[in-house]
Amino acid sequence: MARRSLAQPRPGGNCLNWVLGHLLWAYNGVLPLVSQDPVMDQEVLTHYARGASPIRDRAEALTFEEILDAWNQAVERVDAGLAGLTPDVLDRPAPGSPTGNPKETVRSLLTTVMFHQAYHAGQTAVLRRIAGKEGAIR
């Protein structure tokens, strides 16, 4: 799967490696917001950041195994962090807003992040098919 995760969709878009790395980049960045440590240095994920160019060269990419391992850790930490949030914390002003909302709260920011994650997670079924796998993960 590792090499096939770099298969590019045509006529455009990002490969499975980039999409899963991008999901990891988003969760890794939000972990401090939910009082959890990032799973890796955010600089390592530069190629997966919002607006980054598609990964076309294997040398630019983390291995798919590295991404999956870090993803699994990030999911566990996000779940643990969300479980510990109180209404007071959720209603505090967020440290920033990717949508430019001047009234962004931790709650609204996390809602945006969850929508973002669902949007890209939906792409993975098509990208798995492009990579030669079944769309559904079993």
Foldseek 3Di string as FASTA:
>chain_A
DQVLQQQADPPHDAGNQLLLLLLLLLLLVCLVLLVHHRLDDSVLSVCNYPPHDHDNDVVNTDTPVVSVVSSVVSVVSVVVSVVPDDPVQQCDADPDDPVRDPNHGNVNRVVVSVVVSVVSVVVQLVNCVSSVHHSDDD
